[in-house]
Amino acid sequence: MSNIIKEITKELGLTQKQLAEHIGVKEDTVSQWARGINPVPKWALKMFDLLKKEQKYQSLEADLDKMASIVSDLKSVYGDKNNQ
């Protein structure tokens, strides 16, 4: 179970300290989970899932913002055919 910390920090691109800050625990707590001293609680696993979903949402949101900007640029170059 201790590999979950390594996996989640890698997947989210976070350090153990940053992960701890995101879920509201001390860095030492995450370190103990990573070293297998204490088991990772179920609530923390759920938090990790939420963090992954949040990251995916933010990525999708950024992609949508980019697409909206491209559409806006195209409209300014070619005009908005729907509003003529």
N, C-alpha and C. Protein backbone atom coordinates (compact mmCIF):
# COMPACT_ATOMS: atom_id res chain seq x y z
N MET A 1 0.82 -1.20 0.00
CA MET A 1 0.00 0.00 0.00
C MET A 1 0.86 1.26 0.00
N SER A 2 2.10 1.16 0.45
CA SER A 2 2.95 2.35 0.52
C SER A 2 3.29 2.88 -0.86
N ASN A 3 3.23 2.03 -1.89
CA ASN A 3 3.50 2.50 -3.25
C ASN A 3 2.45 3.49 -3.75
N ILE A 4 1.28 3.50 -3.12
CA ILE A 4 0.23 4.41 -3.55
C ILE A 4 0.68 5.86 -3.43
N ILE A 5 1.47 6.18 -2.43
CA ILE A 5 1.94 7.55 -2.26
C ILE A 5 2.89 7.92 -3.39
N LYS A 6 3.78 7.03 -3.71
CA LYS A 6 4.70 7.29 -4.82
C LYS A 6 3.93 7.44 -6.12
N GLU A 7 2.95 6.58 -6.33
CA GLU A 7 2.15 6.63 -7.55
C GLU A 7 1.35 7.92 -7.65
N ILE A 8 0.70 8.30 -6.55
CA ILE A 8 -0.18 9.47 -6.58
C ILE A 8 0.63 10.76 -6.74
N THR A 9 1.78 10.83 -6.05
CA THR A 9 2.59 12.05 -6.20
C THR A 9 3.12 12.17 -7.62
N LYS A 10 3.50 11.04 -8.21
CA LYS A 10 3.99 11.06 -9.59
C LYS A 10 2.86 11.43 -10.55
N GLU A 11 1.72 10.80 -10.37
CA GLU A 11 0.58 11.05 -11.27
C GLU A 11 0.11 12.50 -11.21
N LEU A 12 0.10 13.07 -10.01
CA LEU A 12 -0.37 14.44 -9.85
C LEU A 12 0.74 15.48 -10.02
N GLY A 13 1.98 15.00 -10.09
CA GLY A 13 3.10 15.93 -10.22
C GLY A 13 3.32 16.75 -8.96
N LEU A 14 3.12 16.11 -7.81
CA LEU A 14 3.25 16.79 -6.52
C LEU A 14 4.36 16.16 -5.69
N THR A 15 4.92 16.94 -4.80
CA THR A 15 5.81 16.39 -3.80
C THR A 15 4.95 15.86 -2.64
N GLN A 16 5.57 15.11 -1.75
CA GLN A 16 4.83 14.65 -0.58
C GLN A 16 4.33 15.84 0.24
N LYS A 17 5.14 16.87 0.31
CA LYS A 17 4.74 18.07 1.06
C LYS A 17 3.51 18.71 0.43
N GLN A 18 3.51 18.84 -0.89
CA GLN A 18 2.37 19.43 -1.59
C GLN A 18 1.13 18.57 -1.44
N LEU A 19 1.30 17.25 -1.52
CA LEU A 19 0.17 16.34 -1.33
C LEU A 19 -0.41 16.52 0.06
N ALA A 20 0.46 16.60 1.05
CA ALA A 20 0.00 16.80 2.43
C ALA A 20 -0.80 18.09 2.56
N GLU A 21 -0.31 19.16 1.94
CA GLU A 21 -1.02 20.44 1.99
C GLU A 21 -2.39 20.34 1.32
N HIS A 22 -2.46 19.62 0.22
CA HIS A 22 -3.72 19.49 -0.52
C HIS A 22 -4.78 18.74 0.29
N ILE A 23 -4.36 17.76 1.08
CA ILE A 23 -5.36 16.96 1.82
C ILE A 23 -5.44 17.35 3.29
N GLY A 24 -4.65 18.33 3.71
CA GLY A 24 -4.78 18.86 5.06
C GLY A 24 -4.14 18.03 6.16
N VAL A 25 -3.01 17.40 5.84
CA VAL A 25 -2.28 16.66 6.87
C VAL A 25 -0.84 17.15 6.89
N LYS A 26 -0.10 16.72 7.90
CA LYS A 26 1.31 17.10 7.99
C LYS A 26 2.13 16.29 6.99
N GLU A 27 3.22 16.89 6.56
CA GLU A 27 4.12 16.21 5.62
C GLU A 27 4.62 14.90 6.22
N ASP A 28 4.87 14.89 7.52
CA ASP A 28 5.35 13.68 8.19
C ASP A 28 4.34 12.54 8.09
N THR A 29 3.06 12.88 8.10
CA THR A 29 2.01 11.87 7.97
C THR A 29 2.11 11.17 6.62
N VAL A 30 2.25 11.96 5.55
CA VAL A 30 2.38 11.39 4.20
C VAL A 30 3.66 10.58 4.12
N SER A 31 4.72 11.07 4.72
CA SER A 31 5.98 10.35 4.72
C SER A 31 5.84 8.99 5.41
N GLN A 32 5.12 8.96 6.50
CA GLN A 32 4.90 7.69 7.21
C GLN A 32 4.08 6.72 6.38
N TRP A 33 3.11 7.25 5.64
CA TRP A 33 2.33 6.39 4.74
C TRP A 33 3.24 5.83 3.66
N ALA A 34 4.09 6.70 3.10
CA ALA A 34 4.97 6.29 2.01
C ALA A 34 5.97 5.23 2.46
N ARG A 35 6.41 5.32 3.70
CA ARG A 35 7.39 4.36 4.21
C ARG A 35 6.73 3.12 4.82
N GLY A 36 5.40 3.08 4.82
CA GLY A 36 4.70 1.92 5.35
C GLY A 36 4.64 1.87 6.86
N ILE A 37 5.00 2.96 7.52
CA ILE A 37 4.94 3.00 8.98
C ILE A 37 3.49 2.98 9.45
N ASN A 38 2.67 3.76 8.78
CA ASN A 38 1.23 3.79 9.06
C ASN A 38 0.49 3.50 7.76
N PRO A 39 -0.64 2.82 7.85
CA PRO A 39 -1.41 2.54 6.63
C PRO A 39 -2.08 3.82 6.13
N VAL A 40 -2.29 3.87 4.82
CA VAL A 40 -3.02 4.99 4.23
C VAL A 40 -4.50 4.79 4.54
N PRO A 41 -5.11 5.75 5.23
CA PRO A 41 -6.54 5.58 5.57
C PRO A 41 -7.43 5.66 4.33
N LYS A 42 -8.61 5.07 4.45
CA LYS A 42 -9.55 5.05 3.32
C LYS A 42 -9.94 6.47 2.90
N TRP A 43 -10.09 7.37 3.87
CA TRP A 43 -10.49 8.73 3.52
C TRP A 43 -9.41 9.39 2.65
N ALA A 44 -8.14 9.08 2.91
CA ALA A 44 -7.06 9.66 2.13
C ALA A 44 -7.09 9.12 0.70
N LEU A 45 -7.39 7.84 0.55
CA LEU A 45 -7.51 7.26 -0.79
C LEU A 45 -8.61 7.95 -1.58
N LYS A 46 -9.70 8.26 -0.90
CA LYS A 46 -10.79 8.98 -1.56
C LYS A 46 -10.36 10.40 -1.93
N MET A 47 -9.58 11.02 -1.06
CA MET A 47 -9.06 12.35 -1.37
C MET A 47 -8.14 12.30 -2.59
N PHE A 48 -7.34 11.26 -2.69
CA PHE A 48 -6.45 11.12 -3.85
C PHE A 48 -7.28 11.03 -5.13
N ASP A 49 -8.37 10.25 -5.07
CA ASP A 49 -9.25 10.14 -6.24
C ASP A 49 -9.84 11.50 -6.61
N LEU A 50 -10.25 12.25 -5.59
CA LEU A 50 -10.81 13.58 -5.83
C LEU A 50 -9.76 14.51 -6.44
N LEU A 51 -8.54 14.44 -5.96
CA LEU A 51 -7.47 15.26 -6.52
C LEU A 51 -7.22 14.92 -7.98
N LYS A 52 -7.26 13.62 -8.31
CA LYS A 52 -7.07 13.21 -9.70
C LYS A 52 -8.21 13.74 -10.57
N LYS A 53 -9.44 13.67 -10.06
CA LYS A 53 -10.58 14.17 -10.82
C LYS A 53 -10.50 15.68 -11.00
N GLU A 54 -10.09 16.36 -9.94
CA GLU A 54 -9.94 17.81 -10.02
C GLU A 54 -8.90 18.18 -11.08
N GLN A 55 -7.80 17.47 -11.10
CA GLN A 55 -6.74 17.74 -12.07
C GLN A 55 -7.24 17.51 -13.50
N LYS A 56 -8.00 16.44 -13.70
CA LYS A 56 -8.56 16.17 -15.03
C LYS A 56 -9.54 17.26 -15.43
N TYR A 57 -10.37 17.71 -14.47
CA TYR A 57 -11.33 18.78 -14.74
C TYR A 57 -10.60 20.06 -15.13
N GLN A 58 -9.56 20.40 -14.38
CA GLN A 58 -8.81 21.61 -14.68
C GLN A 58 -8.14 21.52 -16.05
N SER A 59 -7.67 20.34 -16.40
CA SER A 59 -7.07 20.14 -17.71
C SER A 59 -8.11 20.32 -18.82
N LEU A 60 -9.28 19.74 -18.62
CA LEU A 60 -10.36 19.89 -19.61
C LEU A 60 -10.80 21.35 -19.71
N GLU A 61 -10.88 22.01 -18.58
CA GLU A 61 -11.27 23.42 -18.56
C GLU A 61 -10.26 24.27 -19.34
N ALA A 62 -8.98 23.98 -19.14
CA ALA A 62 -7.94 24.71 -19.87
C ALA A 62 -8.05 24.45 -21.36
N ASP A 63 -8.33 23.20 -21.74
CA ASP A 63 -8.51 22.87 -23.16
C ASP A 63 -9.70 23.61 -23.76
N LEU A 64 -10.79 23.69 -23.01
CA LEU A 64 -11.97 24.41 -23.48
C LEU A 64 -11.68 25.90 -23.64
N ASP A 65 -10.92 26.46 -22.70
CA ASP A 65 -10.54 27.87 -22.80
C ASP A 65 -9.71 28.12 -24.05
N LYS A 66 -8.78 27.19 -24.35
CA LYS A 66 -7.96 27.33 -25.55
C LYS A 66 -8.83 27.26 -26.80
N MET A 67 -9.77 26.32 -26.82
CA MET A 67 -10.65 26.19 -27.98
C MET A 67 -11.52 27.44 -28.16
N ALA A 68 -12.02 27.97 -27.06
CA ALA A 68 -12.85 29.18 -27.13
C ALA A 68 -12.03 30.35 -27.67
N SER A 69 -10.78 30.42 -27.28
CA SER A 69 -9.90 31.48 -27.78
C SER A 69 -9.66 31.32 -29.27
N ILE A 70 -9.47 30.10 -29.72
CA ILE A 70 -9.26 29.83 -31.15
C ILE A 70 -10.51 30.21 -31.94
N VAL A 71 -11.67 29.83 -31.43
CA VAL A 71 -12.93 30.16 -32.11
C VAL A 71 -13.09 31.67 -32.19
N SER A 72 -12.78 32.35 -31.09
CA SER A 72 -12.87 33.81 -31.07
C SER A 72 -11.92 34.43 -32.10
N ASP A 73 -10.70 33.90 -32.17
CA ASP A 73 -9.73 34.40 -33.15
C ASP A 73 -10.24 34.17 -34.58
N LEU A 74 -10.79 32.98 -34.82
CA LEU A 74 -11.30 32.67 -36.16
C LEU A 74 -12.46 33.59 -36.53
N LYS A 75 -13.32 33.87 -35.57
CA LYS A 75 -14.45 34.77 -35.84
C LYS A 75 -13.96 36.17 -36.17
N SER A 76 -12.92 36.61 -35.48
CA SER A 76 -12.41 37.96 -35.76
C SER A 76 -11.73 38.03 -37.13
N VAL A 77 -11.16 36.92 -37.57
CA VAL A 77 -10.50 36.90 -38.88
C VAL A 77 -11.51 36.70 -40.00
N TYR A 78 -12.42 35.75 -39.83
CA TYR A 78 -13.34 35.38 -40.89
C TYR A 78 -14.74 35.95 -40.72
N GLY A 79 -15.00 36.56 -39.59
CA GLY A 79 -16.33 37.09 -39.31
C GLY A 79 -17.23 36.01 -38.76
N ASP A 80 -18.28 36.44 -38.09
CA ASP A 80 -19.23 35.50 -37.50
C ASP A 80 -20.38 35.30 -38.47
N LYS A 81 -20.34 34.25 -39.25
CA LYS A 81 -21.35 33.97 -40.28
C LYS A 81 -22.74 33.77 -39.69
N ASN A 82 -22.82 33.34 -38.42
CA ASN A 82 -24.13 33.11 -37.79
C ASN A 82 -24.84 34.40 -37.44
N ASN A 83 -24.13 35.51 -37.31
CA ASN A 83 -24.74 36.76 -36.89
C ASN A 83 -24.88 37.75 -38.06
N GLN A 84 -24.91 37.24 -39.27
CA GLN A 84 -25.05 38.14 -40.44
C GLN A 84 -26.44 38.07 -41.00
